[in-house]
Amino acid sequence: QVQLVESGGGLVQAGGSLRLSCVVSGRRFSSFNMAWFRQAPGKEREYVAGASWQGGTTDYAYSVNERFTISRVNAKSTLYLQMNSLKPEDTAVYYCAAGIPRSMQPRMVTDYDYWGQGTQVTVSS
């Protein structure tokens, strides 16, 4: 059984930083495309950033580009999201997702097969 466990969320002031972590167990981590999504109250879950299973390709939503950095350490079965210059509009529950590769540009919820429980990120103004 594949499990994803996120950590690192919290409350931060605008302009601050947080680092999220996601540990994957139950299946070989390096076989998955990995991504972070987020969901704010009353809104749909949206793609934030992704890292390909080969480890060489990263991708970002326009809203977080140049502020957030996604990375993965296959030897630790861990995915990270470094978030800098946080804004109040970044407030959301952040979810880690793992997907068996099947799409050329995996940015949709349906491109991912396994999800973490989510971690709350709140940015105060």
C-alpha atoms as a PDB file:
ATOM      1  CA  GLN A   1       0.000   0.000   0.000  1.00  0.00           C
ATOM      2  CA  VAL A   2       1.411   3.335  -1.052  1.00  0.00           C
ATOM      3  CA  GLN A   3       1.417   6.049   1.602  1.00  0.00           C
ATOM      4  CA  LEU A   4       2.379   9.712   1.348  1.00  0.00           C
ATOM      5  CA  VAL A   5       2.961  11.745   4.500  1.00  0.00           C
ATOM      6  CA  GLU A   6       3.420  15.509   4.311  1.00  0.00           C
ATOM      7  CA  SER A   7       4.947  17.772   6.927  1.00  0.00           C
ATOM      8  CA  GLY A   8       6.243  21.305   7.279  1.00  0.00           C
ATOM      9  CA  GLY A   9       3.143  23.446   6.978  1.00  0.00           C
ATOM     10  CA  GLY A  10       2.350  26.260   9.380  1.00  0.00           C
ATOM     11  CA  LEU A  11       1.671  29.947   9.855  1.00  0.00           C
ATOM     12  CA  VAL A  12       4.073  32.478   8.363  1.00  0.00           C
ATOM     13  CA  GLN A  13       4.042  36.190   7.637  1.00  0.00           C
ATOM     14  CA  ALA A  14       3.971  37.493   4.085  1.00  0.00           C
ATOM     15  CA  GLY A  15       7.462  37.468   2.624  1.00  0.00           C
ATOM     16  CA  GLY A  16       8.512  34.514   4.753  1.00  0.00           C
ATOM     17  CA  SER A  17       9.518  30.977   3.826  1.00  0.00           C
ATOM     18  CA  LEU A  18       8.460  27.411   4.543  1.00  0.00           C
ATOM     19  CA  ARG A  19       9.679  24.014   3.381  1.00  0.00           C
ATOM     20  CA  LEU A  20       7.265  21.157   2.902  1.00  0.00           C
ATOM     21  CA  SER A  21       8.332  17.520   2.898  1.00  0.00           C
ATOM     22  CA  CYS A  22       6.578  14.387   1.666  1.00  0.00           C
ATOM     23  CA  VAL A  23       7.794  10.889   2.466  1.00  0.00           C
ATOM     24  CA  VAL A  24       6.558   8.061   0.255  1.00  0.00           C
ATOM     25  CA  SER A  25       6.424   4.409   1.270  1.00  0.00           C
ATOM     26  CA  GLY A  26       5.042   1.191  -0.154  1.00  0.00           C
ATOM     27  CA  ARG A  27       6.452   1.401  -3.673  1.00  0.00           C
ATOM     28  CA  ARG A  28       9.679   2.440  -5.354  1.00  0.00           C
ATOM     29  CA  PHE A  29       9.716   6.232  -5.131  1.00  0.00           C
ATOM     30  CA  SER A  30      11.810   6.682  -8.254  1.00  0.00           C
ATOM     31  CA  SER A  31       9.077   5.126 -10.407  1.00  0.00           C
ATOM     32  CA  PHE A  32       6.654   7.991  -9.739  1.00  0.00           C
ATOM     33  CA  ASN A  33       6.131  11.409 -11.191  1.00  0.00           C
ATOM     34  CA  MET A  34       5.702  13.600  -8.114  1.00  0.00           C
ATOM     35  CA  ALA A  35       3.876  16.867  -7.612  1.00  0.00           C
ATOM     36  CA  TRP A  36       2.496  19.366  -5.157  1.00  0.00           C
ATOM     37  CA  PHE A  37      -1.065  20.628  -5.433  1.00  0.00           C
ATOM     38  CA  ARG A  38      -2.954  23.044  -3.220  1.00  0.00           C
ATOM     39  CA  GLN A  39      -6.565  23.771  -2.410  1.00  0.00           C
ATOM     40  CA  ALA A  40      -7.895  26.963  -0.867  1.00  0.00           C
ATOM     41  CA  PRO A  41     -11.360  27.117   0.745  1.00  0.00           C
ATOM     42  CA  GLY A  42     -14.092  27.179  -1.878  1.00  0.00           C
ATOM     43  CA  LYS A  43     -11.670  26.597  -4.737  1.00  0.00           C
ATOM     44  CA  GLU A  44     -10.637  23.610  -6.825  1.00  0.00           C
ATOM     45  CA  ARG A  45      -7.412  21.774  -6.199  1.00  0.00           C
ATOM     46  CA  GLU A  46      -4.702  23.329  -8.343  1.00  0.00           C
ATOM     47  CA  TYR A  47      -1.304  22.242  -9.570  1.00  0.00           C
ATOM     48  CA  VAL A  48       1.684  23.952  -7.966  1.00  0.00           C
ATOM     49  CA  ALA A  49       4.808  22.132  -9.121  1.00  0.00           C
ATOM     50  CA  GLY A  50       5.989  18.786 -10.449  1.00  0.00           C
ATOM     51  CA  ALA A  51       9.153  16.675 -10.645  1.00  0.00           C
ATOM     52  CA  SER A  52       9.496  13.909 -13.203  1.00  0.00           C
ATOM     53  CA  TRP A  53      10.250  10.314 -12.256  1.00  0.00           C
ATOM     54  CA  GLN A  54      13.641  10.557 -13.939  1.00  0.00           C
ATOM     55  CA  GLY A  55      14.448  13.471 -11.666  1.00  0.00           C
ATOM     56  CA  GLY A  56      15.707  15.752 -14.399  1.00  0.00           C
ATOM     57  CA  THR A  57      12.609  17.810 -15.142  1.00  0.00           C
ATOM     58  CA  THR A  58      10.746  20.238 -12.927  1.00  0.00           C
ATOM     59  CA  ASP A  59       7.706  22.301 -13.765  1.00  0.00           C
ATOM     60  CA  TYR A  60       5.861  25.145 -12.040  1.00  0.00           C
ATOM     61  CA  ALA A  61       2.554  26.909 -12.156  1.00  0.00           C
ATOM     62  CA  TYR A  62       2.938  30.485 -13.285  1.00  0.00           C
ATOM     63  CA  SER A  63       1.716  31.813  -9.931  1.00  0.00           C
ATOM     64  CA  VAL A  64       4.639  30.268  -8.023  1.00  0.00           C
ATOM     65  CA  ASN A  65       7.406  30.332 -10.612  1.00  0.00           C
ATOM     66  CA  GLU A  66      10.675  31.797  -9.272  1.00  0.00           C
ATOM     67  CA  ARG A  67       9.328  31.719  -5.698  1.00  0.00           C
ATOM     68  CA  PHE A  68       8.914  27.979  -5.113  1.00  0.00           C
ATOM     69  CA  THR A  69      11.393  25.166  -5.760  1.00  0.00           C
ATOM     70  CA  ILE A  70      10.459  21.502  -6.004  1.00  0.00           C
ATOM     71  CA  SER A  71      13.067  18.811  -5.454  1.00  0.00           C
ATOM     72  CA  ARG A  72      13.253  15.094  -4.800  1.00  0.00           C
ATOM     73  CA  VAL A  73      15.779  12.819  -3.134  1.00  0.00           C
ATOM     74  CA  ASN A  74      15.109   9.331  -4.431  1.00  0.00           C
ATOM     75  CA  ALA A  75      17.456   7.726  -1.904  1.00  0.00           C
ATOM     76  CA  LYS A  76      15.245   9.115   0.874  1.00  0.00           C
ATOM     77  CA  SER A  77      11.918   8.602  -0.923  1.00  0.00           C
ATOM     78  CA  THR A  78      11.228  12.236  -0.163  1.00  0.00           C
ATOM     79  CA  LEU A  79       9.784  15.157  -2.103  1.00  0.00           C
ATOM     80  CA  TYR A  80      10.316  18.766  -1.024  1.00  0.00           C
ATOM     81  CA  LEU A  81       8.772  22.133  -1.778  1.00  0.00           C
ATOM     82  CA  GLN A  82      10.779  25.175  -0.757  1.00  0.00           C
ATOM     83  CA  MET A  83       8.459  28.175  -0.666  1.00  0.00           C
ATOM     84  CA  ASN A  84       9.954  31.663  -0.524  1.00  0.00           C
ATOM     85  CA  SER A  85       8.436  35.140  -0.717  1.00  0.00           C
ATOM     86  CA  LEU A  86       5.124  33.759   0.438  1.00  0.00           C
ATOM     87  CA  LYS A  87       1.967  35.748  -0.212  1.00  0.00           C
ATOM     88  CA  PRO A  88      -1.449  35.635   1.495  1.00  0.00           C
ATOM     89  CA  GLU A  89      -2.875  34.118  -1.701  1.00  0.00           C
ATOM     90  CA  ASP A  90      -0.597  31.104  -1.171  1.00  0.00           C
ATOM     91  CA  THR A  91      -2.752  30.154   1.814  1.00  0.00           C
ATOM     92  CA  ALA A  92      -4.165  26.664   1.208  1.00  0.00           C
ATOM     93  CA  VAL A  93      -3.925  23.027   2.126  1.00  0.00           C
ATOM     94  CA  TYR A  94      -0.951  21.615   0.245  1.00  0.00           C
ATOM     95  CA  TYR A  95      -1.059  18.034  -1.021  1.00  0.00           C
ATOM     96  CA  CYS A  96       1.717  15.748  -2.165  1.00  0.00           C
ATOM     97  CA  ALA A  97       0.818  13.483  -5.110  1.00  0.00           C
ATOM     98  CA  ALA A  98       2.449  10.479  -6.786  1.00  0.00           C
ATOM     99  CA  GLY A  99       1.619   9.302 -10.272  1.00  0.00           C
ATOM    100  CA  ILE A 100       2.547   6.364 -12.470  1.00  0.00           C
ATOM    101  CA  PRO A 101       3.940   8.080 -15.583  1.00  0.00           C
ATOM    102  CA  ARG A 102       1.408   8.222 -18.417  1.00  0.00           C
ATOM    103  CA  SER A 103       1.182  11.869 -19.492  1.00  0.00           C
ATOM    104  CA  MET A 104       3.658  14.088 -21.290  1.00  0.00           C
ATOM    105  CA  GLN A 105       2.785  17.024 -19.028  1.00  0.00           C
ATOM    106  CA  PRO A 106       1.262  15.740 -15.796  1.00  0.00           C
ATOM    107  CA  ARG A 107      -0.457  18.814 -14.368  1.00  0.00           C
ATOM    108  CA  MET A 108      -3.948  17.462 -13.768  1.00  0.00           C
ATOM    109  CA  VAL A 109      -5.355  15.816 -10.657  1.00  0.00           C
ATOM    110  CA  THR A 110      -6.186  12.769 -12.779  1.00  0.00           C
ATOM    111  CA  ASP A 111      -2.510  12.318 -13.678  1.00  0.00           C
ATOM    112  CA  TYR A 112      -1.819  11.242 -10.084  1.00  0.00           C
ATOM    113  CA  ASP A 113      -2.758   8.010  -8.343  1.00  0.00           C
ATOM    114  CA  TYR A 114      -1.802   8.530  -4.709  1.00  0.00           C
ATOM    115  CA  TRP A 115      -2.282  11.493  -2.386  1.00  0.00           C
ATOM    116  CA  GLY A 116      -1.156  12.610   1.027  1.00  0.00           C
ATOM    117  CA  GLN A 117      -3.475  13.879   3.725  1.00  0.00           C
ATOM    118  CA  GLY A 118      -2.480  17.518   3.203  1.00  0.00           C
ATOM    119  CA  THR A 119      -0.714  20.117   5.294  1.00  0.00           C
ATOM    120  CA  GLN A 120      -2.055  23.597   6.011  1.00  0.00           C
ATOM    121  CA  VAL A 121      -0.071  26.642   4.949  1.00  0.00           C
ATOM    122  CA  THR A 122      -1.336  30.002   6.186  1.00  0.00           C
ATOM    123  CA  VAL A 123       0.297  33.271   5.146  1.00  0.00           C
ATOM    124  CA  SER A 124      -0.705  36.356   7.105  1.00  0.00           C
ATOM    125  CA  SER A 125      -0.557  39.852   5.649  1.00  0.00           C
END
